[in-house]
Amino acid sequence: MPIVSTFFGIVIRMYFDDHGVPHFHADYQGEQASFDFSGRLIAGGIRSKTARKLIREWERLRASELSENWELAK
C-alpha cells in the first residue's frame, strides 16, 4: 500500500482499488485506523488524542487532493 504522507510518526496510506466509502489508513505506534475524508474514524483505533487531532488537521488541509487521489486509485 503506497505511503501518501509521513509526519510526527504517523504514516498515511491509501490502497489502490479500495472499496467502501472514500477513506485513508493511518498507522501510529503500531496502531491502525481508517478515516473518512471528513476526518472521522471509521475502523480500527489510535488511542493518542494528539495523533488523532493531527490526522484530522492533515485531512482538512488536503481534502480535495484526497478525493482526487481516491478517484484516480479506483
PDB file of N, CA and C in Angstrom:
ATOM      1  N   MET A   1       0.843  -1.158   0.000  1.00  0.00           N
ATOM      2  CA  MET A   1       0.000   0.000   0.000  1.00  0.00           C
ATOM      3  C   MET A   1       0.897   1.233   0.000  1.00  0.00           C
ATOM      4  N   PRO A   2       0.715   2.124  -0.966  1.00  0.00           N
ATOM      5  CA  PRO A   2       1.585   3.293  -1.078  1.00  0.00           C
ATOM      6  C   PRO A   2       1.425   4.269   0.088  1.00  0.00           C
ATOM      7  N   ILE A   3       2.534   4.813   0.515  1.00  0.00           N
ATOM      8  CA  ILE A   3       2.538   5.830   1.560  1.00  0.00           C
ATOM      9  C   ILE A   3       2.226   7.173   0.900  1.00  0.00           C
ATOM     10  N   VAL A   4       1.220   7.863   1.450  1.00  0.00           N
ATOM     11  CA  VAL A   4       0.817   9.167   0.948  1.00  0.00           C
ATOM     12  C   VAL A   4       1.564  10.265   1.684  1.00  0.00           C
ATOM     13  N   SER A   5       1.746  10.079   3.007  1.00  0.00           N
ATOM     14  CA  SER A   5       2.396  11.105   3.812  1.00  0.00           C
ATOM     15  C   SER A   5       2.929  10.478   5.095  1.00  0.00           C
ATOM     16  N   THR A   6       3.956  11.107   5.650  1.00  0.00           N
ATOM     17  CA  THR A   6       4.501  10.710   6.945  1.00  0.00           C
ATOM     18  C   THR A   6       4.804  11.983   7.732  1.00  0.00           C
ATOM     19  N   PHE A   7       4.316  12.055   8.957  1.00  0.00           N
ATOM     20  CA  PHE A   7       4.566  13.234   9.792  1.00  0.00           C
ATOM     21  C   PHE A   7       4.401  12.852  11.261  1.00  0.00           C
ATOM     22  N   PHE A   8       5.281  13.334  12.116  1.00  0.00           N
ATOM     23  CA  PHE A   8       5.228  13.098  13.564  1.00  0.00           C
ATOM     24  C   PHE A   8       5.018  11.624  13.923  1.00  0.00           C
ATOM     25  N   GLY A   9       5.611  10.732  13.162  1.00  0.00           N
ATOM     26  CA  GLY A   9       5.490   9.306  13.426  1.00  0.00           C
ATOM     27  C   GLY A   9       4.205   8.686  12.905  1.00  0.00           C
ATOM     28  N   ILE A  10       3.379   9.472  12.239  1.00  0.00           N
ATOM     29  CA  ILE A  10       2.113   8.988  11.663  1.00  0.00           C
ATOM     30  C   ILE A  10       2.356   8.685  10.193  1.00  0.00           C
ATOM     31  N   VAL A  11       1.905   7.529   9.736  1.00  0.00           N
ATOM     32  CA  VAL A  11       2.042   7.150   8.327  1.00  0.00           C
ATOM     33  C   VAL A  11       0.641   7.052   7.737  1.00  0.00           C
ATOM     34  N   ILE A  12       0.420   7.788   6.638  1.00  0.00           N
ATOM     35  CA  ILE A  12      -0.868   7.795   5.952  1.00  0.00           C
ATOM     36  C   ILE A  12      -0.711   7.011   4.660  1.00  0.00           C
ATOM     37  N   ARG A  13      -1.665   6.096   4.417  1.00  0.00           N
ATOM     38  CA  ARG A  13      -1.626   5.264   3.211  1.00  0.00           C
ATOM     39  C   ARG A  13      -2.998   5.231   2.561  1.00  0.00           C
ATOM     40  N   MET A  14      -3.004   4.908   1.255  1.00  0.00           N
ATOM     41  CA  MET A  14      -4.249   4.653   0.532  1.00  0.00           C
ATOM     42  C   MET A  14      -4.030   3.431  -0.340  1.00  0.00           C
ATOM     43  N   TYR A  15      -5.030   2.542  -0.340  1.00  0.00           N
ATOM     44  CA  TYR A  15      -4.994   1.368  -1.209  1.00  0.00           C
ATOM     45  C   TYR A  15      -5.466   1.746  -2.606  1.00  0.00           C
ATOM     46  N   PHE A  16      -4.894   1.098  -3.615  1.00  0.00           N
ATOM     47  CA  PHE A  16      -5.437   1.211  -4.957  1.00  0.00           C
ATOM     48  C   PHE A  16      -6.630   0.274  -5.051  1.00  0.00           C
ATOM     49  N   ASP A  17      -7.664   0.694  -5.748  1.00  0.00           N
ATOM     50  CA  ASP A  17      -8.857  -0.125  -5.988  1.00  0.00           C
ATOM     51  C   ASP A  17      -9.509  -0.570  -4.679  1.00  0.00           C
ATOM     52  N   ASP A  18      -9.520   0.328  -3.681  1.00  0.00           N
ATOM     53  CA  ASP A  18     -10.127   0.029  -2.388  1.00  0.00           C
ATOM     54  C   ASP A  18     -11.648   0.127  -2.504  1.00  0.00           C
ATOM     55  N   HIS A  19     -12.360  -0.405  -1.540  1.00  0.00           N
ATOM     56  CA  HIS A  19     -13.813  -0.449  -1.571  1.00  0.00           C
ATOM     57  C   HIS A  19     -14.381   0.388  -0.431  1.00  0.00           C
ATOM     58  N   GLY A  20     -15.690   0.509  -0.416  1.00  0.00           N
ATOM     59  CA  GLY A  20     -16.363   1.235   0.658  1.00  0.00           C
ATOM     60  C   GLY A  20     -16.333   2.732   0.444  1.00  0.00           C
ATOM     61  N   VAL A  21     -16.621   3.448   1.514  1.00  0.00           N
ATOM     62  CA  VAL A  21     -16.617   4.910   1.441  1.00  0.00           C
ATOM     63  C   VAL A  21     -15.185   5.398   1.218  1.00  0.00           C
ATOM     64  N   PRO A  22     -15.010   6.550   0.586  1.00  0.00           N
ATOM     65  CA  PRO A  22     -13.655   7.092   0.420  1.00  0.00           C
ATOM     66  C   PRO A  22     -12.981   7.256   1.788  1.00  0.00           C
ATOM     67  N   HIS A  23     -11.770   6.736   1.912  1.00  0.00           N
ATOM     68  CA  HIS A  23     -11.067   6.773   3.184  1.00  0.00           C
ATOM     69  C   HIS A  23      -9.568   6.614   2.989  1.00  0.00           C
ATOM     70  N   PHE A  24      -8.834   6.839   4.074  1.00  0.00           N
ATOM     71  CA  PHE A  24      -7.393   6.594   4.091  1.00  0.00           C
ATOM     72  C   PHE A  24      -7.065   5.861   5.381  1.00  0.00           C
ATOM     73  N   HIS A  25      -5.890   5.266   5.416  1.00  0.00           N
ATOM     74  CA  HIS A  25      -5.436   4.476   6.551  1.00  0.00           C
ATOM     75  C   HIS A  25      -4.300   5.221   7.243  1.00  0.00           C
ATOM     76  N   ALA A  26      -4.317   5.204   8.571  1.00  0.00           N
ATOM     77  CA  ALA A  26      -3.264   5.835   9.358  1.00  0.00           C
ATOM     78  C   ALA A  26      -2.667   4.812  10.316  1.00  0.00           C
ATOM     79  N   ASP A  27      -1.345   4.826  10.432  1.00  0.00           N
ATOM     80  CA  ASP A  27      -0.624   3.980  11.380  1.00  0.00           C
ATOM     81  C   ASP A  27       0.122   4.896  12.338  1.00  0.00           C
ATOM     82  N   TYR A  28       0.050   4.560  13.622  1.00  0.00           N
ATOM     83  CA  TYR A  28       0.778   5.327  14.622  1.00  0.00           C
ATOM     84  C   TYR A  28       1.137   4.404  15.772  1.00  0.00           C
ATOM     85  N   GLN A  29       2.414   4.243  16.015  1.00  0.00           N
ATOM     86  CA  GLN A  29       2.936   3.427  17.109  1.00  0.00           C
ATOM     87  C   GLN A  29       2.282   2.047  17.170  1.00  0.00           C
ATOM     88  N   GLY A  30       2.197   1.392  16.027  1.00  0.00           N
ATOM     89  CA  GLY A  30       1.668   0.041  15.962  1.00  0.00           C
ATOM     90  C   GLY A  30       0.152  -0.059  15.942  1.00  0.00           C
ATOM     91  N   GLU A  31      -0.534   1.066  15.990  1.00  0.00           N
ATOM     92  CA  GLU A  31      -1.995   1.073  15.917  1.00  0.00           C
ATOM     93  C   GLU A  31      -2.425   1.526  14.536  1.00  0.00           C
ATOM     94  N   GLN A  32      -3.508   0.937  14.025  1.00  0.00           N
ATOM     95  CA  GLN A  32      -4.002   1.280  12.695  1.00  0.00           C
ATOM     96  C   GLN A  32      -5.455   1.720  12.789  1.00  0.00           C
ATOM     97  N   ALA A  33      -5.800   2.670  11.919  1.00  0.00           N
ATOM     98  CA  ALA A  33      -7.180   3.139  11.848  1.00  0.00           C
ATOM     99  C   ALA A  33      -7.460   3.632  10.440  1.00  0.00           C
ATOM    100  N   SER A  34      -8.737   3.650  10.089  1.00  0.00           N
ATOM    101  CA  SER A  34      -9.177   4.214   8.814  1.00  0.00           C
ATOM    102  C   SER A  34     -10.048   5.425   9.121  1.00  0.00           C
ATOM    103  N   PHE A  35      -9.892   6.462   8.313  1.00  0.00           N
ATOM    104  CA  PHE A  35     -10.634   7.705   8.481  1.00  0.00           C
ATOM    105  C   PHE A  35     -11.292   8.071   7.167  1.00  0.00           C
ATOM    106  N   ASP A  36     -12.515   8.630   7.247  1.00  0.00           N
ATOM    107  CA  ASP A  36     -13.141   9.112   6.021  1.00  0.00           C
ATOM    108  C   ASP A  36     -12.555  10.488   5.684  1.00  0.00           C
ATOM    109  N   PHE A  37     -13.021  11.067   4.602  1.00  0.00           N
ATOM    110  CA  PHE A  37     -12.450  12.334   4.158  1.00  0.00           C
ATOM    111  C   PHE A  37     -12.998  13.539   4.922  1.00  0.00           C
ATOM    112  N   SER A  38     -13.728  13.263   6.007  1.00  0.00           N
ATOM    113  CA  SER A  38     -14.134  14.308   6.946  1.00  0.00           C
ATOM    114  C   SER A  38     -13.336  14.183   8.236  1.00  0.00           C
ATOM    115  N   GLY A  39     -12.371  13.247   8.245  1.00  0.00           N
ATOM    116  CA  GLY A  39     -11.529  13.045   9.411  1.00  0.00           C
ATOM    117  C   GLY A  39     -12.151  12.190  10.501  1.00  0.00           C
ATOM    118  N   ARG A  40     -13.302  11.571  10.214  1.00  0.00           N
ATOM    119  CA  ARG A  40     -13.961  10.717  11.204  1.00  0.00           C
ATOM    120  C   ARG A  40     -13.390   9.303  11.157  1.00  0.00           C
ATOM    121  N   LEU A  41     -13.189   8.741  12.326  1.00  0.00           N
ATOM    122  CA  LEU A  41     -12.712   7.365  12.455  1.00  0.00           C
ATOM    123  C   LEU A  41     -13.802   6.419  11.966  1.00  0.00           C
ATOM    124  N   ILE A  42     -13.447   5.503  11.039  1.00  0.00           N
ATOM    125  CA  ILE A  42     -14.440   4.548  10.550  1.00  0.00           C
ATOM    126  C   ILE A  42     -14.073   3.100  10.873  1.00  0.00           C
ATOM    127  N   ALA A  43     -12.827   2.827  11.219  1.00  0.00           N
ATOM    128  CA  ALA A  43     -12.423   1.464  11.594  1.00  0.00           C
ATOM    129  C   ALA A  43     -11.105   1.527  12.357  1.00  0.00           C
ATOM    130  N   GLY A  44     -10.892   0.564  13.214  1.00  0.00           N
ATOM    131  CA  GLY A  44      -9.640   0.495  13.961  1.00  0.00           C
ATOM    132  C   GLY A  44      -9.622   1.527  15.073  1.00  0.00           C
ATOM    133  N   GLY A  45      -8.428   1.884  15.476  1.00  0.00           N
ATOM    134  CA  GLY A  45      -8.324   2.876  16.536  1.00  0.00           C
ATOM    135  C   GLY A  45      -6.902   3.306  16.801  1.00  0.00           C
ATOM    136  N   ILE A  46      -6.759   4.572  17.100  1.00  0.00           N
ATOM    137  CA  ILE A  46      -5.489   5.149  17.543  1.00  0.00           C
ATOM    138  C   ILE A  46      -5.805   5.855  18.860  1.00  0.00           C
ATOM    139  N   ARG A  47      -5.178   5.406  19.924  1.00  0.00           N
ATOM    140  CA  ARG A  47      -5.513   5.912  21.263  1.00  0.00           C
ATOM    141  C   ARG A  47      -5.069   7.343  21.505  1.00  0.00           C
ATOM    142  N   SER A  48      -3.982   7.755  20.883  1.00  0.00           N
ATOM    143  CA  SER A  48      -3.444   9.086  21.144  1.00  0.00           C
ATOM    144  C   SER A  48      -4.372  10.179  20.607  1.00  0.00           C
ATOM    145  N   LYS A  49      -4.880  11.030  21.521  1.00  0.00           N
ATOM    146  CA  LYS A  49      -5.721  12.157  21.105  1.00  0.00           C
ATOM    147  C   LYS A  49      -4.944  13.114  20.224  1.00  0.00           C
ATOM    148  N   THR A  50      -3.674  13.310  20.545  1.00  0.00           N
ATOM    149  CA  THR A  50      -2.845  14.217  19.756  1.00  0.00           C
ATOM    150  C   THR A  50      -2.675  13.698  18.335  1.00  0.00           C
ATOM    151  N   ALA A  51      -2.410  12.409  18.199  1.00  0.00           N
ATOM    152  CA  ALA A  51      -2.261  11.824  16.864  1.00  0.00           C
ATOM    153  C   ALA A  51      -3.557  11.939  16.076  1.00  0.00           C
ATOM    154  N   ARG A  52      -4.688  11.657  16.717  1.00  0.00           N
ATOM    155  CA  ARG A  52      -5.980  11.781  16.017  1.00  0.00           C
ATOM    156  C   ARG A  52      -6.234  13.231  15.593  1.00  0.00           C
ATOM    157  N   LYS A  53      -5.889  14.165  16.444  1.00  0.00           N
ATOM    158  CA  LYS A  53      -6.055  15.589  16.114  1.00  0.00           C
ATOM    159  C   LYS A  53      -5.175  15.965  14.921  1.00  0.00           C
ATOM    160  N   LEU A  54      -3.926  15.507  14.913  1.00  0.00           N
ATOM    161  CA  LEU A  54      -3.026  15.787  13.793  1.00  0.00           C
ATOM    162  C   LEU A  54      -3.527  15.159  12.503  1.00  0.00           C
ATOM    163  N   ILE A  55      -4.085  13.970  12.586  1.00  0.00           N
ATOM    164  CA  ILE A  55      -4.623  13.294  11.399  1.00  0.00           C
ATOM    165  C   ILE A  55      -5.813  14.071  10.850  1.00  0.00           C
ATOM    166  N   ARG A  56      -6.711  14.513  11.744  1.00  0.00           N
ATOM    167  CA  ARG A  56      -7.865  15.301  11.281  1.00  0.00           C
ATOM    168  C   ARG A  56      -7.420  16.608  10.628  1.00  0.00           C
ATOM    169  N   GLU A  57      -6.436  17.272  11.217  1.00  0.00           N
ATOM    170  CA  GLU A  57      -5.930  18.519  10.638  1.00  0.00           C
ATOM    171  C   GLU A  57      -5.261  18.265   9.285  1.00  0.00           C
ATOM    172  N   TRP A  58      -4.491  17.192   9.201  1.00  0.00           N
ATOM    173  CA  TRP A  58      -3.856  16.826   7.927  1.00  0.00           C
ATOM    174  C   TRP A  58      -4.923  16.600   6.865  1.00  0.00           C
ATOM    175  N   GLU A  59      -5.986  15.874   7.225  1.00  0.00           N
ATOM    176  CA  GLU A  59      -7.075  15.607   6.277  1.00  0.00           C
ATOM    177  C   GLU A  59      -7.746  16.901   5.853  1.00  0.00           C
ATOM    178  N   ARG A  60      -8.025  17.787   6.797  1.00  0.00           N
ATOM    179  CA  ARG A  60      -8.701  19.051   6.493  1.00  0.00           C
ATOM    180  C   ARG A  60      -7.923  19.875   5.477  1.00  0.00           C
ATOM    181  N   LEU A  61      -6.617  19.882   5.613  1.00  0.00           N
ATOM    182  CA  LEU A  61      -5.768  20.660   4.706  1.00  0.00           C
ATOM    183  C   LEU A  61      -5.648  20.035   3.322  1.00  0.00           C
ATOM    184  N   ARG A  62      -5.977  18.744   3.199  1.00  0.00           N
ATOM    185  CA  ARG A  62      -5.755  18.031   1.944  1.00  0.00           C
ATOM    186  C   ARG A  62      -7.004  17.333   1.404  1.00  0.00           C
ATOM    187  N   ALA A  63      -8.173  17.743   1.829  1.00  0.00           N
ATOM    188  CA  ALA A  63      -9.420  17.064   1.463  1.00  0.00           C
ATOM    189  C   ALA A  63      -9.605  16.943  -0.048  1.00  0.00           C
ATOM    190  N   SER A  64      -9.371  18.014  -0.798  1.00  0.00           N
ATOM    191  CA  SER A  64      -9.586  17.945  -2.251  1.00  0.00           C
ATOM    192  C   SER A  64      -8.578  17.012  -2.914  1.00  0.00           C
ATOM    193  N   GLU A  65      -7.331  17.026  -2.451  1.00  0.00           N
ATOM    194  CA  GLU A  65      -6.315  16.122  -3.002  1.00  0.00           C
ATOM    195  C   GLU A  65      -6.668  14.662  -2.710  1.00  0.00           C
ATOM    196  N   LEU A  66      -7.176  14.396  -1.515  1.00  0.00           N
ATOM    197  CA  LEU A  66      -7.565  13.032  -1.162  1.00  0.00           C
ATOM    198  C   LEU A  66      -8.680  12.534  -2.073  1.00  0.00           C
ATOM    199  N   SER A  67      -9.665  13.385  -2.325  1.00  0.00           N
ATOM    200  CA  SER A  67     -10.773  12.998  -3.207  1.00  0.00           C
ATOM    201  C   SER A  67     -10.277  12.701  -4.618  1.00  0.00           C
ATOM    202  N   GLU A  68      -9.392  13.540  -5.126  1.00  0.00           N
ATOM    203  CA  GLU A  68      -8.811  13.308  -6.452  1.00  0.00           C
ATOM    204  C   GLU A  68      -8.058  11.995  -6.494  1.00  0.00           C
ATOM    205  N   ASN A  69      -7.233  11.748  -5.485  1.00  0.00           N
ATOM    206  CA  ASN A  69      -6.450  10.516  -5.446  1.00  0.00           C
ATOM    207  C   ASN A  69      -7.342   9.290  -5.319  1.00  0.00           C
ATOM    208  N   TRP A  70      -8.448   9.402  -4.575  1.00  0.00           N
ATOM    209  CA  TRP A  70      -9.380   8.289  -4.437  1.00  0.00           C
ATOM    210  C   TRP A  70      -9.939   7.901  -5.809  1.00  0.00           C
ATOM    211  N   GLU A  71     -10.351   8.910  -6.572  1.00  0.00           N
ATOM    212  CA  GLU A  71     -10.900   8.641  -7.917  1.00  0.00           C
ATOM    213  C   GLU A  71      -9.846   8.041  -8.840  1.00  0.00           C
ATOM    214  N   LEU A  72      -8.631   8.558  -8.781  1.00  0.00           N
ATOM    215  CA  LEU A  72      -7.551   8.026  -9.614  1.00  0.00           C
ATOM    216  C   LEU A  72      -7.207   6.579  -9.240  1.00  0.00           C
ATOM    217  N   ALA A  73      -7.270   6.279  -7.949  1.00  0.00           N
ATOM    218  CA  ALA A  73      -6.906   4.935  -7.480  1.00  0.00           C
ATOM    219  C   ALA A  73      -7.956   3.893  -7.861  1.00  0.00           C
ATOM    220  N   LYS A  74      -9.194   4.327  -8.081  1.00  0.00           N
ATOM    221  CA  LYS A  74     -10.237   3.392  -8.467  1.00  0.00           C
ATOM    222  C   LYS A  74     -10.022   2.977  -9.899  1.00  0.00           C
TER     223      LYS A  74
END
